[in-house]
Amino acid sequence: MKYYTLDAVVNNDHVRFNKYFCTRNEAIAYMFDYLNGKYIYGSEVEEEYPLSGDKHNIEYVLTNNNRFNVQRHCL
C-alpha cells in the first residue's frame, strides 16, 4: 500500500500536515486549497525536482517563493 505525505514552507514558516493522501495529485490539490485558504492566490509551480535523488520525494517551488514537498511511502 502506498500513501503520500505533505509538508511546506509558506511565508518562511514550516508547515507540517498530519494527513495522508492516496495520490500525489490529491496532496498537490490540498496544498493549493491550503494556500487559497491563507489568501495566497495565483500560486503556480515554477520548478519541481527530486530531493536527494529520490523520484518519490519531490519538492515543488512556487512562483511566490513558497515551496512544498510531497513524499511517497510504502507500507
Protein backbone atom coordinates (compact mmCIF):
# COMPACT_ATOMS: atom_id res chain seq x y z
CA MET A 1 0.00 0.00 0.00
CA LYS A 2 1.27 3.47 -0.91
CA TYR A 3 0.46 6.80 0.69
CA TYR A 4 1.77 10.34 0.39
CA THR A 5 2.71 12.99 2.95
CA LEU A 6 2.91 16.73 2.56
CA ASP A 7 4.94 19.45 4.23
CA ALA A 8 5.63 23.01 3.15
CA VAL A 9 7.36 26.30 3.73
CA VAL A 10 4.75 29.06 3.49
CA ASN A 11 5.82 32.66 4.08
CA ASN A 12 9.05 31.35 5.67
CA ASP A 13 7.17 29.17 8.20
CA HIS A 14 7.44 25.37 8.14
CA VAL A 15 4.02 23.73 7.92
CA ARG A 16 3.60 20.01 8.55
CA PHE A 17 0.29 18.43 7.62
CA ASN A 18 -0.86 15.49 9.75
CA LYS A 19 -2.76 13.98 6.88
CA TYR A 20 -2.13 11.12 4.47
CA PHE A 21 -3.11 11.18 0.81
CA CYS A 22 -3.92 8.36 -1.61
CA THR A 23 -2.31 10.07 -4.61
CA ARG A 24 0.32 12.71 -5.30
CA ASN A 25 -2.28 14.81 -7.16
CA GLU A 26 -4.56 14.75 -4.10
CA ALA A 27 -1.71 16.12 -1.95
CA ILE A 28 -0.92 18.83 -4.51
CA ALA A 29 -4.58 19.88 -4.74
CA TYR A 30 -4.76 20.01 -0.92
CA MET A 31 -1.73 22.30 -0.85
CA PHE A 32 -3.27 24.76 -3.30
CA ASP A 33 -6.54 24.73 -1.30
CA TYR A 34 -4.49 25.46 1.83
CA LEU A 35 -2.76 28.41 0.11
CA ASN A 36 -6.09 29.81 -1.07
CA GLY A 37 -7.40 29.50 2.49
CA LYS A 38 -4.44 31.62 3.65
CA TYR A 39 -5.29 34.24 0.98
CA ILE A 40 -2.27 33.34 -1.12
CA TYR A 41 -3.72 33.35 -4.62
CA GLY A 42 -2.21 32.85 -8.04
CA SER A 43 0.45 30.34 -6.98
CA GLU A 44 1.90 28.28 -9.79
CA VAL A 45 4.56 25.60 -9.80
CA GLU A 46 7.71 27.18 -11.16
CA GLU A 47 10.05 24.23 -10.69
CA GLU A 48 9.94 20.68 -9.38
CA TYR A 49 12.82 18.39 -8.57
CA PRO A 50 13.52 15.19 -6.64
CA LEU A 51 15.15 15.58 -3.24
CA SER A 52 18.27 13.51 -2.60
CA GLY A 53 17.86 11.85 -5.99
CA ASP A 54 14.69 10.09 -4.83
CA LYS A 55 12.00 10.17 -7.52
CA HIS A 56 9.33 9.59 -4.85
CA ASN A 57 10.26 12.67 -2.79
CA ILE A 58 9.52 15.73 -4.93
CA GLU A 59 9.85 19.37 -3.96
CA TYR A 60 7.70 21.92 -5.77
CA VAL A 61 8.87 25.54 -5.86
CA LEU A 62 6.10 28.08 -6.42
CA THR A 63 6.17 31.45 -8.16
CA ASN A 64 5.61 33.33 -4.88
CA ASN A 65 8.71 31.89 -3.12
CA ASN A 66 6.72 29.28 -1.22
CA ARG A 67 7.52 25.59 -1.61
CA PHE A 68 6.15 22.22 -0.66
CA ASN A 69 7.26 18.62 -0.64
CA VAL A 70 5.22 15.50 -1.46
CA GLN A 71 6.79 12.19 -0.48
CA ARG A 72 5.59 8.68 -1.28
CA HIS A 73 5.76 5.99 1.40
CA CYS A 74 5.08 2.26 1.17
CA LEU A 75 3.74 0.02 3.89
